[in-house]
Amino acid sequence: MQKLMKLTAALAAMAIPVQAVAQECTNDVWNKVMERGKLVAGVKADYKPWGYRDTDGSIVGMEVDLVADVAAKMGVDYELVPVVGSNRLAFLEQGQIDMFIATMTDLHDRRKIVGIPSPNYYSSGTNILSPKALGFKEWVQLRDKPVCAVQGAFFNKLIEERYGANIVAFQGTAEAKQALRDKKCVAFAFDDSGLMSTLATGDWEDFEMPLPTEDAASWGLAVPKAEENCIFGRFMSGMQYYWHREGRLIALEDKWGIRQTAYLAEQAEKFKDHLPAE
């Protein structure tokens, strides 16, 4: 009997943290989405082909397809809210959106503000788009030169500190690229994946992505911080695992004309079913 009492006490002590976590999970946003029957998601509207305006004004792209997939698995409709790097965290914190999938690099300071469930769904590094005539070959050649960028990009500060470039930040990619065309800067610093997509359009024949890519980092989607380890966050972890295992992300790269990334191939191999099909 004494042994049984000790075992019961030990199990009860072990259960306290679990119970405390359960009590903290109010799942307010998840419940609101299910009751509303609609997921309100933030996406980019200026970052082709991950999220951009189609000719009819609707927002389309790879990440829009991911939002649609999330909503379908939840059994709800979805509404898209355009966000940019400078406001996506605030929109989620303020409850204007329920979550976002918006080309966000997963960083420690961002994890303090929003929930970023793992595994991450994409990856990219930093490079520049610049006129071929300038002949840039090394990052140090940007010293004391104006470089266009997008507000909120984590690499803006790195480029300034490492190479002494003068960052000129704009609210969106369209404005930054237009400034480059208007010769207000010598280069446009951005994710290499986005720059490859820009060059693939054929509208930038006099430009190139000349430098070695730096600071490769994975992208994270976000849910409210309070729901990171609750139903919503765990559900989104499962969705990303599913996207990698089933090759969904690789298929979307192909659909949207994105050069296949080594990151997705590695993740697909990592999460694939270890048992061969019968």
C-alpha atoms as a PDB file:
ATOM      1  CA  MET A   1       0.000   0.000   0.000  1.00  0.00           C
ATOM      2  CA  GLN A   2       2.842   2.401   0.837  1.00  0.00           C
ATOM      3  CA  LYS A   3       4.481   1.698  -2.506  1.00  0.00           C
ATOM      4  CA  LEU A   4       1.167   2.346  -4.264  1.00  0.00           C
ATOM      5  CA  MET A   5       0.700   5.633  -2.413  1.00  0.00           C
ATOM      6  CA  LYS A   6       4.235   6.751  -3.328  1.00  0.00           C
ATOM      7  CA  LEU A   7       3.670   5.831  -6.963  1.00  0.00           C
ATOM      8  CA  THR A   8       0.356   7.705  -7.011  1.00  0.00           C
ATOM      9  CA  ALA A   9       1.978  10.779  -5.486  1.00  0.00           C
ATOM     10  CA  ALA A  10       4.818  10.648  -8.002  1.00  0.00           C
ATOM     11  CA  LEU A  11       2.392  10.378 -10.922  1.00  0.00           C
ATOM     12  CA  ALA A  12       0.353  13.264  -9.542  1.00  0.00           C
ATOM     13  CA  ALA A  13       3.482  15.412  -9.286  1.00  0.00           C
ATOM     14  CA  MET A  14       4.362  14.575 -12.876  1.00  0.00           C
ATOM     15  CA  ALA A  15       0.842  15.502 -13.984  1.00  0.00           C
ATOM     16  CA  ILE A  16       0.947  19.006 -12.508  1.00  0.00           C
ATOM     17  CA  PRO A  17       2.965  20.611 -15.337  1.00  0.00           C
ATOM     18  CA  VAL A  18       0.776  18.910 -17.942  1.00  0.00           C
ATOM     19  CA  GLN A  19      -2.380  20.157 -16.242  1.00  0.00           C
ATOM     20  CA  ALA A  20      -0.918  23.656 -15.959  1.00  0.00           C
ATOM     21  CA  VAL A  21      -0.141  23.715 -19.678  1.00  0.00           C
ATOM     22  CA  ALA A  22      -3.646  22.481 -20.474  1.00  0.00           C
ATOM     23  CA  GLN A  23      -5.135  25.267 -18.388  1.00  0.00           C
ATOM     24  CA  GLU A  24      -3.057  27.856 -20.260  1.00  0.00           C
ATOM     25  CA  CYS A  25      -4.407  26.671 -23.624  1.00  0.00           C
ATOM     26  CA  THR A  26      -7.613  28.628 -24.061  1.00  0.00           C
ATOM     27  CA  ASN A  27      -7.408  28.081 -27.839  1.00  0.00           C
ATOM     28  CA  ASP A  28      -9.315  31.326 -28.349  1.00  0.00           C
ATOM     29  CA  VAL A  29      -8.210  31.944 -31.934  1.00  0.00           C
ATOM     30  CA  TRP A  30      -8.692  28.341 -33.024  1.00  0.00           C
ATOM     31  CA  ASN A  31     -12.181  28.291 -31.521  1.00  0.00           C
ATOM     32  CA  LYS A  32     -13.017  31.651 -33.111  1.00  0.00           C
ATOM     33  CA  VAL A  33     -11.991  30.373 -36.549  1.00  0.00           C
ATOM     34  CA  MET A  34     -14.055  27.221 -36.187  1.00  0.00           C
ATOM     35  CA  GLU A  35     -17.111  29.111 -34.921  1.00  0.00           C
ATOM     36  CA  ARG A  36     -16.776  31.742 -37.632  1.00  0.00           C
ATOM     37  CA  GLY A  37     -16.237  29.124 -40.292  1.00  0.00           C
ATOM     38  CA  LYS A  38     -13.467  31.203 -41.843  1.00  0.00           C
ATOM     39  CA  LEU A  39      -9.700  31.552 -41.459  1.00  0.00           C
ATOM     40  CA  VAL A  40      -8.340  35.081 -41.851  1.00  0.00           C
ATOM     41  CA  ALA A  41      -4.744  34.742 -43.046  1.00  0.00           C
ATOM     42  CA  GLY A  42      -2.038  37.260 -43.827  1.00  0.00           C
ATOM     43  CA  VAL A  43      -0.108  36.778 -47.078  1.00  0.00           C
ATOM     44  CA  LYS A  44       2.188  38.847 -49.248  1.00  0.00           C
ATOM     45  CA  ALA A  45       0.638  40.654 -52.212  1.00  0.00           C
ATOM     46  CA  ASP A  46       3.885  42.031 -53.642  1.00  0.00           C
ATOM     47  CA  TYR A  47       6.204  39.028 -53.643  1.00  0.00           C
ATOM     48  CA  LYS A  48       5.720  37.048 -56.836  1.00  0.00           C
ATOM     49  CA  PRO A  49       5.237  34.088 -57.020  1.00  0.00           C
ATOM     50  CA  TRP A  50       4.694  33.457 -53.286  1.00  0.00           C
ATOM     51  CA  GLY A  51       1.950  36.056 -53.018  1.00  0.00           C
ATOM     52  CA  TYR A  52       1.000  38.726 -55.570  1.00  0.00           C
ATOM     53  CA  ARG A  53      -1.877  40.445 -57.335  1.00  0.00           C
ATOM     54  CA  ASP A  54      -3.222  38.692 -60.424  1.00  0.00           C
ATOM     55  CA  THR A  55      -4.534  40.666 -63.402  1.00  0.00           C
ATOM     56  CA  ASP A  56      -8.023  40.708 -61.845  1.00  0.00           C
ATOM     57  CA  GLY A  57      -6.697  42.047 -58.546  1.00  0.00           C
ATOM     58  CA  SER A  58      -6.995  38.808 -56.606  1.00  0.00           C
ATOM     59  CA  ILE A  59      -4.046  37.585 -54.530  1.00  0.00           C
ATOM     60  CA  VAL A  60      -2.493  34.366 -55.826  1.00  0.00           C
ATOM     61  CA  GLY A  61       0.741  32.482 -55.336  1.00  0.00           C
ATOM     62  CA  MET A  62       2.459  29.569 -53.648  1.00  0.00           C
ATOM     63  CA  GLU A  63       1.722  30.717 -50.095  1.00  0.00           C
ATOM     64  CA  VAL A  64      -1.896  31.462 -51.002  1.00  0.00           C
ATOM     65  CA  ASP A  65      -2.177  27.817 -52.070  1.00  0.00           C
ATOM     66  CA  LEU A  66      -0.800  26.823 -48.660  1.00  0.00           C
ATOM     67  CA  VAL A  67      -3.419  28.950 -46.881  1.00  0.00           C
ATOM     68  CA  ALA A  68      -6.113  27.310 -48.989  1.00  0.00           C
ATOM     69  CA  ASP A  69      -4.745  23.912 -47.991  1.00  0.00           C
ATOM     70  CA  VAL A  70      -4.819  24.833 -44.294  1.00  0.00           C
ATOM     71  CA  ALA A  71      -8.418  26.058 -44.528  1.00  0.00           C
ATOM     72  CA  ALA A  72      -9.494  22.934 -46.405  1.00  0.00           C
ATOM     73  CA  LYS A  73      -7.993  20.680 -43.717  1.00  0.00           C
ATOM     74  CA  MET A  74      -9.734  22.745 -41.021  1.00  0.00           C
ATOM     75  CA  GLY A  75     -13.005  22.532 -42.935  1.00  0.00           C
ATOM     76  CA  VAL A  76     -13.468  26.318 -43.155  1.00  0.00           C
ATOM     77  CA  ASP A  77     -13.384  29.075 -45.773  1.00  0.00           C
ATOM     78  CA  TYR A  78     -10.547  31.591 -45.856  1.00  0.00           C
ATOM     79  CA  GLU A  79     -10.004  35.311 -46.296  1.00  0.00           C
ATOM     80  CA  LEU A  80      -6.690  36.806 -47.396  1.00  0.00           C
ATOM     81  CA  VAL A  81      -5.270  39.981 -45.867  1.00  0.00           C
ATOM     82  CA  PRO A  82      -2.235  41.533 -47.608  1.00  0.00           C
ATOM     83  CA  VAL A  83       0.704  42.116 -45.260  1.00  0.00           C
ATOM     84  CA  VAL A  84       4.263  43.365 -45.604  1.00  0.00           C
ATOM     85  CA  GLY A  85       7.387  42.774 -43.569  1.00  0.00           C
ATOM     86  CA  SER A  86       6.829  45.840 -41.418  1.00  0.00           C
ATOM     87  CA  ASN A  87       3.277  45.010 -40.264  1.00  0.00           C
ATOM     88  CA  ARG A  88       2.711  41.237 -40.364  1.00  0.00           C
ATOM     89  CA  LEU A  89       3.761  40.653 -36.738  1.00  0.00           C
ATOM     90  CA  ALA A  90       1.635  43.563 -35.507  1.00  0.00           C
ATOM     91  CA  PHE A  91      -1.414  42.405 -37.478  1.00  0.00           C
ATOM     92  CA  LEU A  92      -1.216  39.009 -35.791  1.00  0.00           C
ATOM     93  CA  GLU A  93      -0.603  40.460 -32.334  1.00  0.00           C
ATOM     94  CA  GLN A  94      -3.559  42.837 -32.720  1.00  0.00           C
ATOM     95  CA  GLY A  95      -5.905  40.084 -33.876  1.00  0.00           C
ATOM     96  CA  GLN A  96      -6.443  41.504 -37.359  1.00  0.00           C
ATOM     97  CA  ILE A  97      -5.450  38.102 -38.753  1.00  0.00           C
ATOM     98  CA  ASP A  98      -5.572  34.598 -37.305  1.00  0.00           C
ATOM     99  CA  MET A  99      -2.196  33.512 -38.730  1.00  0.00           C
ATOM    100  CA  PHE A 100       0.114  34.310 -41.601  1.00  0.00           C
ATOM    101  CA  ILE A 101       2.242  32.615 -44.225  1.00  0.00           C
ATOM    102  CA  ALA A 102       4.235  35.545 -45.580  1.00  0.00           C
ATOM    103  CA  THR A 103       7.878  34.815 -46.523  1.00  0.00           C
ATOM    104  CA  MET A 104       9.090  35.389 -42.962  1.00  0.00           C
ATOM    105  CA  THR A 105      12.550  34.254 -41.924  1.00  0.00           C
ATOM    106  CA  ASP A 106      12.462  32.356 -38.619  1.00  0.00           C
ATOM    107  CA  LEU A 107      14.464  34.403 -36.097  1.00  0.00           C
ATOM    108  CA  HIS A 108      14.814  34.353 -32.309  1.00  0.00           C
ATOM    109  CA  ASP A 109      13.466  37.880 -31.823  1.00  0.00           C
ATOM    110  CA  ARG A 110      10.364  37.048 -33.863  1.00  0.00           C
ATOM    111  CA  ARG A 111       9.736  33.899 -31.805  1.00  0.00           C
ATOM    112  CA  LYS A 112       9.369  36.151 -28.765  1.00  0.00           C
ATOM    113  CA  ILE A 113       6.427  37.895 -30.423  1.00  0.00           C
ATOM    114  CA  VAL A 114       4.578  35.211 -32.395  1.00  0.00           C
ATOM    115  CA  GLY A 115       4.365  31.432 -32.419  1.00  0.00           C
ATOM    116  CA  ILE A 116       6.437  29.831 -35.195  1.00  0.00           C
ATOM    117  CA  PRO A 117       5.627  26.104 -35.328  1.00  0.00           C
ATOM    118  CA  SER A 118       8.211  23.727 -36.725  1.00  0.00           C
ATOM    119  CA  PRO A 119       9.270  22.257 -39.083  1.00  0.00           C
ATOM    120  CA  ASN A 120       9.744  25.349 -41.235  1.00  0.00           C
ATOM    121  CA  TYR A 121       8.276  25.222 -44.716  1.00  0.00           C
ATOM    122  CA  TYR A 122      10.845  27.021 -46.892  1.00  0.00           C
ATOM    123  CA  SER A 123      14.308  28.578 -47.005  1.00  0.00           C
ATOM    124  CA  SER A 124      16.205  31.312 -48.809  1.00  0.00           C
ATOM    125  CA  GLY A 125      19.327  33.452 -48.556  1.00  0.00           C
ATOM    126  CA  THR A 126      20.320  37.045 -49.279  1.00  0.00           C
ATOM    127  CA  ASN A 127      21.568  38.389 -52.614  1.00  0.00           C
ATOM    128  CA  ILE A 128      21.159  41.458 -54.794  1.00  0.00           C
ATOM    129  CA  LEU A 129      19.635  42.398 -58.121  1.00  0.00           C
ATOM    130  CA  SER A 130      21.853  44.887 -59.913  1.00  0.00           C
ATOM    131  CA  PRO A 131      22.575  46.205 -63.422  1.00  0.00           C
ATOM    132  CA  LYS A 132      24.990  43.999 -65.358  1.00  0.00           C
ATOM    133  CA  ALA A 133      26.826  47.146 -66.398  1.00  0.00           C
ATOM    134  CA  LEU A 134      27.986  47.736 -62.814  1.00  0.00           C
ATOM    135  CA  GLY A 135      29.757  44.391 -62.715  1.00  0.00           C
ATOM    136  CA  PHE A 136      29.473  43.669 -58.993  1.00  0.00           C
ATOM    137  CA  LYS A 137      31.340  40.535 -57.925  1.00  0.00           C
ATOM    138  CA  GLU A 138      31.830  40.974 -54.166  1.00  0.00           C
ATOM    139  CA  TRP A 139      29.666  42.277 -51.339  1.00  0.00           C
ATOM    140  CA  VAL A 140      32.347  44.765 -50.269  1.00  0.00           C
ATOM    141  CA  GLN A 141      31.794  46.658 -53.528  1.00  0.00           C
ATOM    142  CA  LEU A 142      28.540  47.971 -52.024  1.00  0.00           C
ATOM    143  CA  ARG A 143      30.364  50.097 -49.455  1.00  0.00           C
ATOM    144  CA  ASP A 144      28.999  53.656 -49.236  1.00  0.00           C
ATOM    145  CA  LYS A 145      26.553  52.955 -52.068  1.00  0.00           C
ATOM    146  CA  PRO A 146      22.742  53.214 -51.851  1.00  0.00           C
ATOM    147  CA  VAL A 147      21.092  49.774 -51.809  1.00  0.00           C
ATOM    148  CA  CYS A 148      17.317  49.455 -52.070  1.00  0.00           C
ATOM    149  CA  ALA A 149      15.555  47.038 -49.710  1.00  0.00           C
ATOM    150  CA  VAL A 150      12.183  46.289 -48.127  1.00  0.00           C
ATOM    151  CA  GLN A 151      11.268  47.530 -44.650  1.00  0.00           C
ATOM    152  CA  GLY A 152      11.423  44.831 -41.989  1.00  0.00           C
ATOM    153  CA  ALA A 153      13.875  42.511 -43.788  1.00  0.00           C
ATOM    154  CA  PHE A 154      16.284  41.048 -41.232  1.00  0.00           C
ATOM    155  CA  PHE A 155      19.278  41.274 -43.568  1.00  0.00           C
ATOM    156  CA  ASN A 156      19.092  45.059 -44.008  1.00  0.00           C
ATOM    157  CA  LYS A 157      21.094  45.687 -40.849  1.00  0.00           C
ATOM    158  CA  LEU A 158      23.561  42.913 -41.672  1.00  0.00           C
ATOM    159  CA  ILE A 159      24.383  44.416 -45.063  1.00  0.00           C
ATOM    160  CA  GLU A 160      24.926  47.835 -43.483  1.00  0.00           C
ATOM    161  CA  GLU A 161      27.132  46.532 -40.670  1.00  0.00           C
ATOM    162  CA  ARG A 162      29.197  44.062 -42.684  1.00  0.00           C
ATOM    163  CA  TYR A 163      29.722  45.961 -45.901  1.00  0.00           C
ATOM    164  CA  GLY A 164      28.963  49.613 -45.151  1.00  0.00           C
ATOM    165  CA  ALA A 165      26.139  49.888 -47.686  1.00  0.00           C
ATOM    166  CA  ASN A 166      23.538  52.636 -47.289  1.00  0.00           C
ATOM    167  CA  ILE A 167      20.178  50.845 -47.085  1.00  0.00           C
ATOM    168  CA  VAL A 168      17.234  52.718 -48.595  1.00  0.00           C
ATOM    169  CA  ALA A 169      14.142  50.853 -47.360  1.00  0.00           C
ATOM    170  CA  PHE A 170      10.751  50.859 -49.074  1.00  0.00           C
ATOM    171  CA  GLN A 171       7.417  49.463 -47.905  1.00  0.00           C
ATOM    172  CA  GLY A 172       7.156  46.839 -50.646  1.00  0.00           C
ATOM    173  CA  THR A 173       9.156  45.069 -53.332  1.00  0.00           C
ATOM    174  CA  ALA A 174       7.436  46.900 -56.201  1.00  0.00           C
ATOM    175  CA  GLU A 175       8.584  50.280 -54.883  1.00  0.00           C
ATOM    176  CA  ALA A 176      12.109  49.032 -54.211  1.00  0.00           C
ATOM    177  CA  LYS A 177      12.503  47.514 -57.676  1.00  0.00           C
ATOM    178  CA  GLN A 178      11.132  50.627 -59.340  1.00  0.00           C
ATOM    179  CA  ALA A 179      13.671  52.708 -57.427  1.00  0.00           C
ATOM    180  CA  LEU A 180      16.380  50.418 -58.805  1.00  0.00           C
ATOM    181  CA  ARG A 181      15.106  50.977 -62.344  1.00  0.00           C
ATOM    182  CA  ASP A 182      15.036  54.718 -61.655  1.00  0.00           C
ATOM    183  CA  LYS A 183      18.726  54.530 -60.612  1.00  0.00           C
ATOM    184  CA  LYS A 184      18.020  55.704 -57.079  1.00  0.00           C
ATOM    185  CA  CYS A 185      20.165  52.814 -55.871  1.00  0.00           C
ATOM    186  CA  VAL A 186      22.808  50.529 -57.337  1.00  0.00           C
ATOM    187  CA  ALA A 187      21.192  47.289 -56.227  1.00  0.00           C
ATOM    188  CA  PHE A 188      18.109  45.744 -54.655  1.00  0.00           C
ATOM    189  CA  ALA A 189      18.845  43.457 -51.688  1.00  0.00           C
ATOM    190  CA  PHE A 190      16.359  40.649 -51.270  1.00  0.00           C
ATOM    191  CA  ASP A 191      15.827  36.894 -50.869  1.00  0.00           C
ATOM    192  CA  ASP A 192      17.660  34.991 -53.591  1.00  0.00           C
ATOM    193  CA  SER A 193      14.536  32.951 -54.290  1.00  0.00           C
ATOM    194  CA  GLY A 194      12.559  36.094 -55.040  1.00  0.00           C
ATOM    195  CA  LEU A 195      15.333  37.525 -57.195  1.00  0.00           C
ATOM    196  CA  MET A 196      15.553  34.341 -59.238  1.00  0.00           C
ATOM    197  CA  SER A 197      11.833  34.590 -59.846  1.00  0.00           C
ATOM    198  CA  THR A 198      12.176  38.234 -60.903  1.00  0.00           C
ATOM    199  CA  LEU A 199      14.917  37.413 -63.394  1.00  0.00           C
ATOM    200  CA  ALA A 200      12.868  34.509 -64.766  1.00  0.00           C
ATOM    201  CA  THR A 201      10.106  36.887 -65.901  1.00  0.00           C
ATOM    202  CA  GLY A 202      12.270  38.148 -68.760  1.00  0.00           C
ATOM    203  CA  ASP A 203      11.604  41.774 -67.838  1.00  0.00           C
ATOM    204  CA  TRP A 204      15.035  42.293 -66.284  1.00  0.00           C
ATOM    205  CA  GLU A 205      17.415  41.307 -69.066  1.00  0.00           C
ATOM    206  CA  ASP A 206      19.930  44.039 -68.204  1.00  0.00           C
ATOM    207  CA  PHE A 207      20.123  42.917 -64.569  1.00  0.00           C
ATOM    208  CA  GLU A 208      21.723  40.002 -62.738  1.00  0.00           C
ATOM    209  CA  MET A 209      22.083  38.347 -59.339  1.00  0.00           C
ATOM    210  CA  PRO A 210      25.893  38.492 -59.211  1.00  0.00           C
ATOM    211  CA  LEU A 211      26.971  37.823 -55.630  1.00  0.00           C
ATOM    212  CA  PRO A 212      27.378  34.632 -53.603  1.00  0.00           C
ATOM    213  CA  THR A 213      24.215  34.079 -51.535  1.00  0.00           C
ATOM    214  CA  GLU A 214      24.637  34.669 -47.809  1.00  0.00           C
ATOM    215  CA  ASP A 215      22.744  33.881 -44.602  1.00  0.00           C
ATOM    216  CA  ALA A 216      20.555  31.044 -45.835  1.00  0.00           C
ATOM    217  CA  ALA A 217      17.705  30.748 -43.343  1.00  0.00           C
ATOM    218  CA  SER A 218      14.403  28.932 -43.138  1.00  0.00           C
ATOM    219  CA  TRP A 219      10.968  30.536 -43.368  1.00  0.00           C
ATOM    220  CA  GLY A 220       8.331  30.130 -40.681  1.00  0.00           C
ATOM    221  CA  LEU A 221       4.587  30.649 -40.713  1.00  0.00           C
ATOM    222  CA  ALA A 222       3.065  32.210 -37.616  1.00  0.00           C
ATOM    223  CA  VAL A 223       0.180  31.732 -35.200  1.00  0.00           C
ATOM    224  CA  PRO A 224      -0.589  33.780 -32.070  1.00  0.00           C
ATOM    225  CA  LYS A 225       2.108  33.267 -29.432  1.00  0.00           C
ATOM    226  CA  ALA A 226      -0.457  32.022 -26.899  1.00  0.00           C
ATOM    227  CA  GLU A 227      -1.461  29.202 -29.248  1.00  0.00           C
ATOM    228  CA  GLU A 228       1.999  28.064 -30.308  1.00  0.00           C
ATOM    229  CA  ASN A 229       1.913  24.933 -28.128  1.00  0.00           C
ATOM    230  CA  CYS A 230      -1.848  24.511 -28.211  1.00  0.00           C
ATOM    231  CA  ILE A 231      -4.256  23.195 -30.836  1.00  0.00           C
ATOM    232  CA  PHE A 232      -3.529  25.792 -33.511  1.00  0.00           C
ATOM    233  CA  GLY A 233       0.260  25.586 -33.250  1.00  0.00           C
ATOM    234  CA  ARG A 234       0.308  21.783 -33.137  1.00  0.00           C
ATOM    235  CA  PHE A 235      -2.056  21.629 -36.104  1.00  0.00           C
ATOM    236  CA  MET A 236       0.215  23.898 -38.151  1.00  0.00           C
ATOM    237  CA  SER A 237       3.235  21.786 -37.210  1.00  0.00           C
ATOM    238  CA  GLY A 238       1.382  18.809 -38.602  1.00  0.00           C
ATOM    239  CA  MET A 239       0.498  20.674 -41.781  1.00  0.00           C
ATOM    240  CA  GLN A 240       4.145  21.533 -42.464  1.00  0.00           C
ATOM    241  CA  TYR A 241       5.243  17.977 -41.765  1.00  0.00           C
ATOM    242  CA  TYR A 242       2.562  16.792 -44.195  1.00  0.00           C
ATOM    243  CA  TRP A 243       3.671  19.290 -46.873  1.00  0.00           C
ATOM    244  CA  HIS A 244       7.238  17.994 -46.693  1.00  0.00           C
ATOM    245  CA  ARG A 245       6.395  14.309 -46.479  1.00  0.00           C
ATOM    246  CA  GLU A 246       3.892  14.353 -49.327  1.00  0.00           C
ATOM    247  CA  GLY A 247       6.039  16.545 -51.599  1.00  0.00           C
ATOM    248  CA  ARG A 248       3.409  19.275 -51.615  1.00  0.00           C
ATOM    249  CA  LEU A 249       5.922  22.128 -51.426  1.00  0.00           C
ATOM    250  CA  ILE A 250       8.078  20.727 -54.217  1.00  0.00           C
ATOM    251  CA  ALA A 251       4.970  20.386 -56.386  1.00  0.00           C
ATOM    252  CA  LEU A 252       4.063  24.015 -55.692  1.00  0.00           C
ATOM    253  CA  GLU A 253       7.557  25.163 -56.660  1.00  0.00           C
ATOM    254  CA  ASP A 254       7.010  23.460 -59.995  1.00  0.00           C
ATOM    255  CA  LYS A 255       3.530  24.943 -60.364  1.00  0.00           C
ATOM    256  CA  TRP A 256       4.732  28.514 -59.766  1.00  0.00           C
ATOM    257  CA  GLY A 257       7.924  28.277 -61.812  1.00  0.00           C
ATOM    258  CA  ILE A 258      10.305  28.476 -58.863  1.00  0.00           C
ATOM    259  CA  ARG A 259      13.742  26.914 -59.247  1.00  0.00           C
ATOM    260  CA  GLN A 260      13.770  23.827 -57.014  1.00  0.00           C
ATOM    261  CA  THR A 261      15.581  24.456 -53.746  1.00  0.00           C
ATOM    262  CA  ALA A 262      17.932  22.005 -52.063  1.00  0.00           C
ATOM    263  CA  TYR A 263      16.182  22.721 -48.764  1.00  0.00           C
ATOM    264  CA  LEU A 264      12.871  21.219 -49.878  1.00  0.00           C
ATOM    265  CA  ALA A 265      14.585  18.171 -51.350  1.00  0.00           C
ATOM    266  CA  GLU A 266      16.404  17.625 -48.044  1.00  0.00           C
ATOM    267  CA  GLN A 267      13.226  18.013 -45.993  1.00  0.00           C
ATOM    268  CA  ALA A 268      11.263  15.673 -48.264  1.00  0.00           C
ATOM    269  CA  GLU A 269      13.944  13.033 -47.797  1.00  0.00           C
ATOM    270  CA  LYS A 270      14.042  13.625 -44.039  1.00  0.00           C
ATOM    271  CA  PHE A 271      10.298  13.226 -43.519  1.00  0.00           C
ATOM    272  CA  LYS A 272       9.458  10.602 -46.130  1.00  0.00           C
ATOM    273  CA  ASP A 273       7.772   7.359 -45.139  1.00  0.00           C
ATOM    274  CA  HIS A 274      10.539   4.942 -44.146  1.00  0.00           C
ATOM    275  CA  LEU A 275       8.482   1.911 -45.157  1.00  0.00           C
ATOM    276  CA  PRO A 276       8.393   1.058 -48.886  1.00  0.00           C
ATOM    277  CA  ALA A 277       4.973   0.878 -50.522  1.00  0.00           C
ATOM    278  CA  GLU A 278       3.516  -2.641 -50.715  1.00  0.00           C
END
